[in-house]
Amino acid sequence: MAKRYGGKFSPEGQSDTDAPAPRGQYDGARVNPVGARANVMFVPAIPLVFLSLNDGAIGMTLGLVAAGLLTAAAFLLREGLKAEDAYNARRTARRPAVPRKIFSSVLTGLGVGLAAYRNDYLDAEAASQVSLLAPVLFGGVATALHSVAFGLDPMKNKGMEGVDTYQQDRVARVVEDAEAHLNQMSDAIKRAGDRRIEARVERFQTTARDLFRTVEEDPRDLAGARKYLTVYLQGARDATIKFADVYARTRDPQALSDYSALLDDLEQNFSARTRKMLLDDRSDLTVEIDVLRERLQREGVRLD
C-alpha cells in the first residue's frame, strides 16, 4: 500500500519542531539481533531438498530429513539470538529456560552428518560398505564451528542475588502481558498508513519499556506500577486500534491531533512514574546506609 511522505516544505508538511526524532536517536534503540549470518543458515537446506528428489526412496528420505534438521536449527538459532539479546538488555535476568543456540548447534551437526551419510550411501555399491566415521566427523566439526560462530546461550542468572523469585515471576507475567499490548499497538497503528505517527508510537513504547525494566530490576515496585502496565496500556491499545481504523478511512486531522496529545500525556506519566521509582530506590539506599552507620557507631566504630 502506498504511503505518503511529507516534510517541512511539502503540502500539509510539519515544521521541524513537530517532527519526531529520527529512529537512531531513540533511547534504548538496538540493532536487530538476528542478522544476515543467522538468516544464511536457512540456505543449505534448499539445494539439499532439490538434490534429493531423484535419489530414490532412501536417498530422498535421508536428504529431506537432513534438510528438516538444518531448517529447525536455523529457526532455533533465530530464537536463541533474540532470547540472548533480551537477556543482555536487562540488568537482572534469568538464563533462558531452553538453550536454543546449543540445540541449534546440535541439530546442525546432525543435519550435516546425515547429509554426509546420504552421500556415502549413494556412492557406495552396498549399504554394508558405508562407514559412519566420515558422517560423525563432519557432524562434530559442524557442531563445533556453529558454536564458535554464534556462541552459547547464557548459562547463569544475572543480577538475581537477593531477589525474591516469587515476586520476579509475578513481574515477568505482568511485563509479558504489557509487551503484548505494545505489540498490538504496533500492529494496529500500521493500518493508519502514516509513518510519522508510527514513529511517535515507537517513541512512547520506548518510554514504556523503560518502566518495564525498572520494575524488573526491583519487583517491589510492581504494586505502584501495576496500573501503568495493565490499565493504562490496555487503554492505549484500545485507543490506538480505534484511531487507526478512523484515520485510515477519513484522514481526519483532529483525530490525529487528539491521538498525538494522548500519547504525549501517556509518555509524560510513564516517565514521571519511572523517575519516582528511581528516587524511591535511592531513598531506600540512603536509609540503609544511615541505619548501618548508627549500628557501627553504637559498637564503637568511628566513621569519618
C-alpha atoms as a PDB file:
ATOM      1  CA  MET A   1       0.000   0.000   0.000  1.00  0.00           C
ATOM      2  CA  ALA A   2       1.331   3.425  -0.958  1.00  0.00           C
ATOM      3  CA  LYS A   3       2.366   5.681   1.921  1.00  0.00           C
ATOM      4  CA  ARG A   4       2.513   9.435   1.964  1.00  0.00           C
ATOM      5  CA  TYR A   5       5.791  11.121   2.793  1.00  0.00           C
ATOM      6  CA  GLY A   6       5.960  14.708   3.864  1.00  0.00           C
ATOM      7  CA  GLY A   7       8.398  17.231   5.170  1.00  0.00           C
ATOM      8  CA  LYS A   8       8.757  20.855   6.113  1.00  0.00           C
ATOM      9  CA  PHE A   9       8.382  22.113   2.511  1.00  0.00           C
ATOM     10  CA  SER A  10       5.722  19.645   1.310  1.00  0.00           C
ATOM     11  CA  PRO A  11       1.953  20.292   1.305  1.00  0.00           C
ATOM     12  CA  GLU A  12       0.473  19.735   4.743  1.00  0.00           C
ATOM     13  CA  GLY A  13       4.013  19.205   5.961  1.00  0.00           C
ATOM     14  CA  GLN A  14       5.015  19.606   9.568  1.00  0.00           C
ATOM     15  CA  SER A  15       7.521  22.024  10.975  1.00  0.00           C
ATOM     16  CA  ASP A  16      10.851  20.971  12.389  1.00  0.00           C
ATOM     17  CA  THR A  17       9.613  21.483  15.909  1.00  0.00           C
ATOM     18  CA  ASP A  18       6.833  18.930  15.409  1.00  0.00           C
ATOM     19  CA  ALA A  19       8.924  16.333  13.628  1.00  0.00           C
ATOM     20  CA  PRO A  20       9.676  13.194  15.610  1.00  0.00           C
ATOM     21  CA  ALA A  21      13.239  12.384  16.457  1.00  0.00           C
ATOM     22  CA  PRO A  22      14.999  10.077  13.989  1.00  0.00           C
ATOM     23  CA  ARG A  23      14.889   6.443  14.930  1.00  0.00           C
ATOM     24  CA  GLY A  24      18.584   6.328  15.703  1.00  0.00           C
ATOM     25  CA  GLN A  25      18.078   8.948  18.414  1.00  0.00           C
ATOM     26  CA  TYR A  26      15.511   6.934  20.365  1.00  0.00           C
ATOM     27  CA  ASP A  27      16.638   5.895  23.793  1.00  0.00           C
ATOM     28  CA  GLY A  28      17.019   2.158  24.034  1.00  0.00           C
ATOM     29  CA  ALA A  29      17.038   1.529  20.274  1.00  0.00           C
ATOM     30  CA  ARG A  30      19.006  -1.602  19.465  1.00  0.00           C
ATOM     31  CA  VAL A  31      20.103  -3.429  16.370  1.00  0.00           C
ATOM     32  CA  ASN A  32      18.059  -6.487  15.468  1.00  0.00           C
ATOM     33  CA  PRO A  33      19.985  -9.443  16.951  1.00  0.00           C
ATOM     34  CA  VAL A  34      19.016 -11.696  14.014  1.00  0.00           C
ATOM     35  CA  GLY A  35      21.393 -10.597  11.292  1.00  0.00           C
ATOM     36  CA  ALA A  36      22.497 -11.881   7.918  1.00  0.00           C
ATOM     37  CA  ARG A  37      24.679 -14.606   9.425  1.00  0.00           C
ATOM     38  CA  ALA A  38      21.687 -16.240  11.086  1.00  0.00           C
ATOM     39  CA  ASN A  39      19.499 -15.924   8.001  1.00  0.00           C
ATOM     40  CA  VAL A  40      22.160 -17.575   5.819  1.00  0.00           C
ATOM     41  CA  MET A  41      21.704 -20.746   7.871  1.00  0.00           C
ATOM     42  CA  PHE A  42      18.412 -21.333   6.036  1.00  0.00           C
ATOM     43  CA  VAL A  43      20.193 -21.601   2.677  1.00  0.00           C
ATOM     44  CA  PRO A  44      21.912 -25.053   2.888  1.00  0.00           C
ATOM     45  CA  ALA A  45      18.603 -26.885   3.263  1.00  0.00           C
ATOM     46  CA  ILE A  46      17.245 -25.540  -0.034  1.00  0.00           C
ATOM     47  CA  PRO A  47      19.682 -27.191  -2.508  1.00  0.00           C
ATOM     48  CA  LEU A  48      19.698 -30.320  -0.361  1.00  0.00           C
ATOM     49  CA  VAL A  49      15.954 -30.728  -0.912  1.00  0.00           C
ATOM     50  CA  PHE A  50      16.188 -30.394  -4.702  1.00  0.00           C
ATOM     51  CA  LEU A  51      19.240 -32.648  -4.960  1.00  0.00           C
ATOM     52  CA  SER A  52      17.435 -35.400  -3.042  1.00  0.00           C
ATOM     53  CA  LEU A  53      14.294 -35.606  -5.153  1.00  0.00           C
ATOM     54  CA  ASN A  54      15.776 -38.001  -7.758  1.00  0.00           C
ATOM     55  CA  ASP A  55      17.887 -40.159  -5.441  1.00  0.00           C
ATOM     56  CA  GLY A  56      15.423 -42.940  -4.801  1.00  0.00           C
ATOM     57  CA  ALA A  57      13.292 -43.567  -1.735  1.00  0.00           C
ATOM     58  CA  ILE A  58      16.114 -43.915   0.778  1.00  0.00           C
ATOM     59  CA  GLY A  59      18.269 -41.121  -0.625  1.00  0.00           C
ATOM     60  CA  MET A  60      15.305 -38.744  -0.848  1.00  0.00           C
ATOM     61  CA  THR A  61      14.176 -39.554   2.697  1.00  0.00           C
ATOM     62  CA  LEU A  62      17.651 -39.034   4.147  1.00  0.00           C
ATOM     63  CA  GLY A  63      18.038 -35.756   2.270  1.00  0.00           C
ATOM     64  CA  LEU A  64      14.656 -34.400   3.327  1.00  0.00           C
ATOM     65  CA  VAL A  65      15.245 -35.328   6.977  1.00  0.00           C
ATOM     66  CA  ALA A  66      18.674 -33.658   6.875  1.00  0.00           C
ATOM     67  CA  ALA A  67      17.135 -30.529   5.319  1.00  0.00           C
ATOM     68  CA  GLY A  68      14.457 -30.508   8.014  1.00  0.00           C
ATOM     69  CA  LEU A  69      17.093 -30.714  10.748  1.00  0.00           C
ATOM     70  CA  LEU A  70      19.054 -27.815   9.222  1.00  0.00           C
ATOM     71  CA  THR A  71      15.902 -25.707   8.912  1.00  0.00           C
ATOM     72  CA  ALA A  72      14.883 -26.417  12.511  1.00  0.00           C
ATOM     73  CA  ALA A  73      18.407 -25.482  13.603  1.00  0.00           C
ATOM     74  CA  ALA A  74      18.137 -22.142  11.784  1.00  0.00           C
ATOM     75  CA  PHE A  75      14.794 -21.360  13.487  1.00  0.00           C
ATOM     76  CA  LEU A  76      16.205 -22.262  16.900  1.00  0.00           C
ATOM     77  CA  LEU A  77      19.222 -20.064  16.238  1.00  0.00           C
ATOM     78  CA  ARG A  78      16.997 -17.064  15.499  1.00  0.00           C
ATOM     79  CA  GLU A  79      15.017 -17.566  18.697  1.00  0.00           C
ATOM     80  CA  GLY A  80      18.198 -18.100  20.690  1.00  0.00           C
ATOM     81  CA  LEU A  81      19.697 -14.841  19.442  1.00  0.00           C
ATOM     82  CA  LYS A  82      16.505 -12.987  20.378  1.00  0.00           C
ATOM     83  CA  ALA A  83      16.499 -14.528  23.857  1.00  0.00           C
ATOM     84  CA  GLU A  84      20.171 -13.641  24.338  1.00  0.00           C
ATOM     85  CA  ASP A  85      19.522 -10.060  23.250  1.00  0.00           C
ATOM     86  CA  ALA A  86      16.654  -9.761  25.749  1.00  0.00           C
ATOM     87  CA  TYR A  87      18.934 -11.230  28.449  1.00  0.00           C
ATOM     88  CA  ASN A  88      21.715  -8.726  27.701  1.00  0.00           C
ATOM     89  CA  ALA A  89      19.281  -5.791  27.662  1.00  0.00           C
ATOM     90  CA  ARG A  90      18.292  -6.379  31.292  1.00  0.00           C
ATOM     91  CA  ARG A  91      20.309  -5.769  34.421  1.00  0.00           C
ATOM     92  CA  THR A  92      18.523  -8.610  36.179  1.00  0.00           C
ATOM     93  CA  ALA A  93      17.527 -11.638  34.132  1.00  0.00           C
ATOM     94  CA  ARG A  94      17.222 -15.371  34.336  1.00  0.00           C
ATOM     95  CA  ARG A  95      19.059 -17.599  31.951  1.00  0.00           C
ATOM     96  CA  PRO A  96      16.909 -18.876  29.072  1.00  0.00           C
ATOM     97  CA  ALA A  97      14.913 -21.911  30.143  1.00  0.00           C
ATOM     98  CA  VAL A  98      15.725 -23.670  26.843  1.00  0.00           C
ATOM     99  CA  PRO A  99      19.307 -23.399  25.493  1.00  0.00           C
ATOM    100  CA  ARG A 100      18.172 -22.757  21.931  1.00  0.00           C
ATOM    101  CA  LYS A 101      21.586 -21.926  20.492  1.00  0.00           C
ATOM    102  CA  ILE A 102      23.095 -25.113  21.884  1.00  0.00           C
ATOM    103  CA  PHE A 103      20.232 -27.177  20.482  1.00  0.00           C
ATOM    104  CA  SER A 104      20.695 -25.356  17.179  1.00  0.00           C
ATOM    105  CA  SER A 105      24.364 -26.376  17.080  1.00  0.00           C
ATOM    106  CA  VAL A 106      23.460 -29.997  17.812  1.00  0.00           C
ATOM    107  CA  LEU A 107      20.753 -30.068  15.134  1.00  0.00           C
ATOM    108  CA  THR A 108      23.152 -28.502  12.640  1.00  0.00           C
ATOM    109  CA  GLY A 109      25.676 -31.235  13.359  1.00  0.00           C
ATOM    110  CA  LEU A 110      23.022 -33.926  12.980  1.00  0.00           C
ATOM    111  CA  GLY A 111      21.823 -32.430   9.705  1.00  0.00           C
ATOM    112  CA  VAL A 112      25.322 -32.187   8.255  1.00  0.00           C
ATOM    113  CA  GLY A 113      26.193 -35.703   9.454  1.00  0.00           C
ATOM    114  CA  LEU A 114      23.038 -37.160   7.945  1.00  0.00           C
ATOM    115  CA  ALA A 115      23.675 -35.364   4.640  1.00  0.00           C
ATOM    116  CA  ALA A 116      27.202 -36.797   4.590  1.00  0.00           C
ATOM    117  CA  TYR A 117      25.848 -40.285   5.321  1.00  0.00           C
ATOM    118  CA  ARG A 118      23.377 -39.877   2.459  1.00  0.00           C
ATOM    119  CA  ASN A 119      26.181 -39.053   0.023  1.00  0.00           C
ATOM    120  CA  ASP A 120      28.266 -42.021   1.190  1.00  0.00           C
ATOM    121  CA  TYR A 121      25.225 -44.296   0.895  1.00  0.00           C
ATOM    122  CA  LEU A 122      24.555 -43.173  -2.686  1.00  0.00           C
ATOM    123  CA  ASP A 123      28.221 -43.547  -3.670  1.00  0.00           C
ATOM    124  CA  ALA A 124      28.695 -46.987  -2.075  1.00  0.00           C
ATOM    125  CA  GLU A 125      27.938 -50.138  -4.026  1.00  0.00           C
ATOM    126  CA  ALA A 126      26.278 -51.742  -0.992  1.00  0.00           C
ATOM    127  CA  ALA A 127      24.901 -50.478   2.296  1.00  0.00           C
ATOM    128  CA  SER A 128      27.442 -52.596   4.200  1.00  0.00           C
ATOM    129  CA  GLN A 129      30.265 -50.547   2.697  1.00  0.00           C
ATOM    130  CA  VAL A 130      29.018 -47.264   4.210  1.00  0.00           C
ATOM    131  CA  SER A 131      31.276 -46.028   7.016  1.00  0.00           C
ATOM    132  CA  LEU A 132      29.943 -43.912   9.869  1.00  0.00           C
ATOM    133  CA  LEU A 133      33.330 -42.312  10.552  1.00  0.00           C
ATOM    134  CA  ALA A 134      33.056 -39.545   7.951  1.00  0.00           C
ATOM    135  CA  PRO A 135      29.461 -38.522   8.861  1.00  0.00           C
ATOM    136  CA  VAL A 136      30.350 -38.414  12.562  1.00  0.00           C
ATOM    137  CA  LEU A 137      33.417 -36.274  11.870  1.00  0.00           C
ATOM    138  CA  PHE A 138      31.513 -33.907   9.577  1.00  0.00           C
ATOM    139  CA  GLY A 139      28.718 -33.584  12.123  1.00  0.00           C
ATOM    140  CA  GLY A 140      31.111 -32.961  15.011  1.00  0.00           C
ATOM    141  CA  VAL A 141      33.025 -30.311  13.097  1.00  0.00           C
ATOM    142  CA  ALA A 142      29.776 -28.609  12.036  1.00  0.00           C
ATOM    143  CA  THR A 143      28.554 -28.537  15.641  1.00  0.00           C
ATOM    144  CA  ALA A 144      31.828 -27.064  16.877  1.00  0.00           C
ATOM    145  CA  LEU A 145      32.008 -24.425  14.135  1.00  0.00           C
ATOM    146  CA  HIS A 146      28.389 -23.430  14.716  1.00  0.00           C
ATOM    147  CA  SER A 147      29.050 -22.985  18.440  1.00  0.00           C
ATOM    148  CA  VAL A 148      32.162 -20.915  17.764  1.00  0.00           C
ATOM    149  CA  ALA A 149      30.384 -18.730  15.197  1.00  0.00           C
ATOM    150  CA  PHE A 150      27.272 -17.967  17.258  1.00  0.00           C
ATOM    151  CA  GLY A 151      28.352 -18.685  20.818  1.00  0.00           C
ATOM    152  CA  LEU A 152      26.457 -20.447  23.584  1.00  0.00           C
ATOM    153  CA  ASP A 153      23.345 -19.446  25.463  1.00  0.00           C
ATOM    154  CA  PRO A 154      23.671 -17.534  28.753  1.00  0.00           C
ATOM    155  CA  MET A 155      24.147 -20.276  31.326  1.00  0.00           C
ATOM    156  CA  LYS A 156      23.502 -18.437  34.592  1.00  0.00           C
ATOM    157  CA  ASN A 157      21.165 -15.861  36.061  1.00  0.00           C
ATOM    158  CA  LYS A 158      22.253 -12.244  36.079  1.00  0.00           C
ATOM    159  CA  GLY A 159      21.735  -9.842  38.995  1.00  0.00           C
ATOM    160  CA  MET A 160      19.356 -12.214  40.810  1.00  0.00           C
ATOM    161  CA  GLU A 161      21.168 -12.219  44.157  1.00  0.00           C
ATOM    162  CA  GLY A 162      18.740 -11.268  46.917  1.00  0.00           C
ATOM    163  CA  VAL A 163      15.762 -11.072  44.543  1.00  0.00           C
ATOM    164  CA  ASP A 164      12.503 -12.698  45.589  1.00  0.00           C
ATOM    165  CA  THR A 165      11.902 -15.239  42.832  1.00  0.00           C
ATOM    166  CA  TYR A 166       8.157 -15.333  43.538  1.00  0.00           C
ATOM    167  CA  GLN A 167       7.894 -11.582  43.036  1.00  0.00           C
ATOM    168  CA  GLN A 168      10.132 -11.858  39.985  1.00  0.00           C
ATOM    169  CA  ASP A 169       7.753 -14.397  38.447  1.00  0.00           C
ATOM    170  CA  ARG A 170       4.801 -12.075  39.088  1.00  0.00           C
ATOM    171  CA  VAL A 171       6.645  -9.217  37.399  1.00  0.00           C
ATOM    172  CA  ALA A 172       7.558 -11.435  34.444  1.00  0.00           C
ATOM    173  CA  ARG A 173       3.904 -12.326  33.857  1.00  0.00           C
ATOM    174  CA  VAL A 174       2.757  -8.697  34.085  1.00  0.00           C
ATOM    175  CA  VAL A 175       5.544  -7.480  31.794  1.00  0.00           C
ATOM    176  CA  GLU A 176       4.766 -10.225  29.278  1.00  0.00           C
ATOM    177  CA  ASP A 177       1.150  -9.040  29.120  1.00  0.00           C
ATOM    178  CA  ALA A 178       2.308  -5.422  28.829  1.00  0.00           C
ATOM    179  CA  GLU A 179       4.620  -6.324  25.928  1.00  0.00           C
ATOM    180  CA  ALA A 180       1.663  -7.995  24.222  1.00  0.00           C
ATOM    181  CA  HIS A 181      -0.271  -4.716  24.475  1.00  0.00           C
ATOM    182  CA  LEU A 182       2.638  -2.828  22.897  1.00  0.00           C
ATOM    183  CA  ASN A 183       2.881  -5.347  20.067  1.00  0.00           C
ATOM    184  CA  GLN A 184      -0.836  -4.988  19.397  1.00  0.00           C
ATOM    185  CA  MET A 185      -0.383  -1.213  19.280  1.00  0.00           C
ATOM    186  CA  SER A 186       2.362  -1.621  16.685  1.00  0.00           C
ATOM    187  CA  ASP A 187       0.201  -3.892  14.552  1.00  0.00           C
ATOM    188  CA  ALA A 188      -2.802  -1.569  14.767  1.00  0.00           C
ATOM    189  CA  ILE A 189      -1.011   1.697  14.000  1.00  0.00           C
ATOM    190  CA  LYS A 190       0.315   0.287  10.720  1.00  0.00           C
ATOM    191  CA  ARG A 191      -3.233   0.386   9.392  1.00  0.00           C
ATOM    192  CA  ALA A 192      -3.193   4.189   9.711  1.00  0.00           C
ATOM    193  CA  GLY A 193      -0.602   4.373   6.913  1.00  0.00           C
ATOM    194  CA  ASP A 194       1.283   7.328   8.427  1.00  0.00           C
ATOM    195  CA  ARG A 195       4.993   6.927   9.092  1.00  0.00           C
ATOM    196  CA  ARG A 196       5.107   9.917  11.420  1.00  0.00           C
ATOM    197  CA  ILE A 197       2.519   8.576  13.822  1.00  0.00           C
ATOM    198  CA  GLU A 198       4.141   5.125  13.689  1.00  0.00           C
ATOM    199  CA  ALA A 199       7.395   6.733  14.814  1.00  0.00           C
ATOM    200  CA  ARG A 200       5.519   8.564  17.565  1.00  0.00           C
ATOM    201  CA  VAL A 201       4.082   5.288  18.847  1.00  0.00           C
ATOM    202  CA  GLU A 202       7.563   3.741  18.840  1.00  0.00           C
ATOM    203  CA  ARG A 203       8.836   6.598  20.990  1.00  0.00           C
ATOM    204  CA  PHE A 204       6.068   6.025  23.524  1.00  0.00           C
ATOM    205  CA  GLN A 205       6.865   2.304  23.544  1.00  0.00           C
ATOM    206  CA  THR A 206      10.496   3.067  24.362  1.00  0.00           C
ATOM    207  CA  THR A 207       9.364   5.124  27.363  1.00  0.00           C
ATOM    208  CA  ALA A 208       7.016   2.335  28.465  1.00  0.00           C
ATOM    209  CA  ARG A 209       9.802  -0.250  28.234  1.00  0.00           C
ATOM    210  CA  ASP A 210      11.989   1.928  30.468  1.00  0.00           C
ATOM    211  CA  LEU A 211       9.292   1.471  33.110  1.00  0.00           C
ATOM    212  CA  PHE A 212       9.262  -2.281  32.440  1.00  0.00           C
ATOM    213  CA  ARG A 213      12.999  -2.525  33.041  1.00  0.00           C
ATOM    214  CA  THR A 214      12.766  -0.500  36.251  1.00  0.00           C
ATOM    215  CA  VAL A 215      10.078  -2.795  37.649  1.00  0.00           C
ATOM    216  CA  GLU A 216      12.044  -5.891  36.626  1.00  0.00           C
ATOM    217  CA  GLU A 217      15.111  -4.641  38.473  1.00  0.00           C
ATOM    218  CA  ASP A 218      13.118  -4.091  41.684  1.00  0.00           C
ATOM    219  CA  PRO A 219       9.967  -6.280  41.850  1.00  0.00           C
ATOM    220  CA  ARG A 220       8.797  -4.358  44.938  1.00  0.00           C
ATOM    221  CA  ASP A 221       7.779  -1.539  42.574  1.00  0.00           C
ATOM    222  CA  LEU A 222       5.154  -3.738  40.919  1.00  0.00           C
ATOM    223  CA  ALA A 223       2.325  -2.634  43.222  1.00  0.00           C
ATOM    224  CA  GLY A 224       2.746   1.034  42.316  1.00  0.00           C
ATOM    225  CA  ALA A 225       3.316   0.408  38.612  1.00  0.00           C
ATOM    226  CA  ARG A 226       0.677  -2.259  38.011  1.00  0.00           C
ATOM    227  CA  LYS A 227      -1.991   0.152  36.763  1.00  0.00           C
ATOM    228  CA  TYR A 228       0.512   1.575  34.255  1.00  0.00           C
ATOM    229  CA  LEU A 229       1.361  -1.889  32.949  1.00  0.00           C
ATOM    230  CA  THR A 230      -2.250  -3.062  32.744  1.00  0.00           C
ATOM    231  CA  VAL A 231      -4.988  -0.425  32.790  1.00  0.00           C
ATOM    232  CA  TYR A 232      -3.134   2.403  31.049  1.00  0.00           C
ATOM    233  CA  LEU A 233      -1.579   0.189  28.385  1.00  0.00           C
ATOM    234  CA  GLN A 234      -4.870  -1.533  27.696  1.00  0.00           C
ATOM    235  CA  GLY A 235      -6.467   1.881  27.222  1.00  0.00           C
ATOM    236  CA  ALA A 236      -3.613   2.969  24.946  1.00  0.00           C
ATOM    237  CA  ARG A 237      -4.011  -0.200  22.890  1.00  0.00           C
ATOM    238  CA  ASP A 238      -7.785   0.252  22.523  1.00  0.00           C
ATOM    239  CA  ALA A 239      -7.360   3.923  21.604  1.00  0.00           C
ATOM    240  CA  THR A 240      -4.720   3.005  19.016  1.00  0.00           C
ATOM    241  CA  ILE A 241      -6.979   0.420  17.383  1.00  0.00           C
ATOM    242  CA  LYS A 242      -9.884   2.869  17.154  1.00  0.00           C
ATOM    243  CA  PHE A 243      -7.672   5.701  15.911  1.00  0.00           C
ATOM    244  CA  ALA A 244      -6.097   3.529  13.211  1.00  0.00           C
ATOM    245  CA  ASP A 245      -9.500   2.463  11.910  1.00  0.00           C
ATOM    246  CA  VAL A 246     -10.865   6.025  11.864  1.00  0.00           C
ATOM    247  CA  TYR A 247      -7.745   7.674  10.434  1.00  0.00           C
ATOM    248  CA  ALA A 248      -7.317   5.062   7.698  1.00  0.00           C
ATOM    249  CA  ARG A 249     -10.811   5.902   6.403  1.00  0.00           C
ATOM    250  CA  THR A 250     -11.112   9.643   6.986  1.00  0.00           C
ATOM    251  CA  ARG A 251      -7.608  11.130   7.374  1.00  0.00           C
ATOM    252  CA  ASP A 252      -9.174  13.394   9.996  1.00  0.00           C
ATOM    253  CA  PRO A 253      -6.503  15.854  11.249  1.00  0.00           C
ATOM    254  CA  GLN A 254      -8.421  16.380  14.501  1.00  0.00           C
ATOM    255  CA  ALA A 255      -8.300  12.660  15.246  1.00  0.00           C
ATOM    256  CA  LEU A 256      -4.549  12.713  14.589  1.00  0.00           C
ATOM    257  CA  SER A 257      -4.105  15.707  16.906  1.00  0.00           C
ATOM    258  CA  ASP A 258      -6.152  14.118  19.697  1.00  0.00           C
ATOM    259  CA  TYR A 259      -4.292  10.825  19.451  1.00  0.00           C
ATOM    260  CA  SER A 260      -0.909  12.570  19.469  1.00  0.00           C
ATOM    261  CA  ALA A 261      -1.956  14.522  22.576  1.00  0.00           C
ATOM    262  CA  LEU A 262      -2.942  11.232  24.234  1.00  0.00           C
ATOM    263  CA  LEU A 263       0.487   9.748  23.517  1.00  0.00           C
ATOM    264  CA  ASP A 264       2.137  12.887  24.930  1.00  0.00           C
ATOM    265  CA  ASP A 265       0.138  12.578  28.167  1.00  0.00           C
ATOM    266  CA  LEU A 266       0.872   8.874  28.473  1.00  0.00           C
ATOM    267  CA  GLU A 267       4.574   9.360  27.828  1.00  0.00           C
ATOM    268  CA  GLN A 268       4.817  12.095  30.460  1.00  0.00           C
ATOM    269  CA  ASN A 269       3.015   9.954  33.037  1.00  0.00           C
ATOM    270  CA  PHE A 270       5.131   6.881  32.329  1.00  0.00           C
ATOM    271  CA  SER A 271       8.334   8.941  32.536  1.00  0.00           C
ATOM    272  CA  ALA A 272       7.224  10.527  35.793  1.00  0.00           C
ATOM    273  CA  ARG A 273       6.431   7.121  37.296  1.00  0.00           C
ATOM    274  CA  THR A 274       9.832   5.776  36.280  1.00  0.00           C
ATOM    275  CA  ARG A 275      11.613   8.766  37.849  1.00  0.00           C
ATOM    276  CA  LYS A 276       9.598   8.389  41.058  1.00  0.00           C
ATOM    277  CA  MET A 277      10.523   4.721  41.399  1.00  0.00           C
ATOM    278  CA  LEU A 278      14.205   5.524  40.865  1.00  0.00           C
ATOM    279  CA  LEU A 279      14.035   8.232  43.539  1.00  0.00           C
ATOM    280  CA  ASP A 280      12.316   5.827  45.940  1.00  0.00           C
ATOM    281  CA  ASP A 281      15.058   3.271  45.341  1.00  0.00           C
ATOM    282  CA  ARG A 282      17.689   5.909  46.139  1.00  0.00           C
ATOM    283  CA  SER A 283      15.804   6.896  49.309  1.00  0.00           C
ATOM    284  CA  ASP A 284      15.772   3.238  50.407  1.00  0.00           C
ATOM    285  CA  LEU A 285      19.536   3.087  49.872  1.00  0.00           C
ATOM    286  CA  THR A 286      20.048   6.224  51.959  1.00  0.00           C
ATOM    287  CA  VAL A 287      18.010   4.729  54.819  1.00  0.00           C
ATOM    288  CA  GLU A 288      20.037   1.505  54.706  1.00  0.00           C
ATOM    289  CA  ILE A 289      23.308   3.473  54.847  1.00  0.00           C
ATOM    290  CA  ASP A 290      22.107   5.605  57.788  1.00  0.00           C
ATOM    291  CA  VAL A 291      20.988   2.528  59.724  1.00  0.00           C
ATOM    292  CA  LEU A 292      24.347   0.841  59.146  1.00  0.00           C
ATOM    293  CA  ARG A 293      26.219   3.949  60.283  1.00  0.00           C
ATOM    294  CA  GLU A 294      24.200   4.095  63.524  1.00  0.00           C
ATOM    295  CA  ARG A 295      24.909   0.458  64.278  1.00  0.00           C
ATOM    296  CA  LEU A 296      28.611   0.885  63.684  1.00  0.00           C
ATOM    297  CA  GLN A 297      28.710   3.956  65.933  1.00  0.00           C
ATOM    298  CA  ARG A 298      26.914   2.100  68.744  1.00  0.00           C
ATOM    299  CA  GLU A 299      29.554  -0.616  68.505  1.00  0.00           C
ATOM    300  CA  GLY A 300      32.346   1.932  68.865  1.00  0.00           C
ATOM    301  CA  VAL A 301      33.454   2.046  65.254  1.00  0.00           C
ATOM    302  CA  ARG A 302      34.405   5.580  64.329  1.00  0.00           C
ATOM    303  CA  LEU A 303      33.290   6.852  60.928  1.00  0.00           C
ATOM    304  CA  ASP A 304      34.917   9.976  59.471  1.00  0.00           C
END
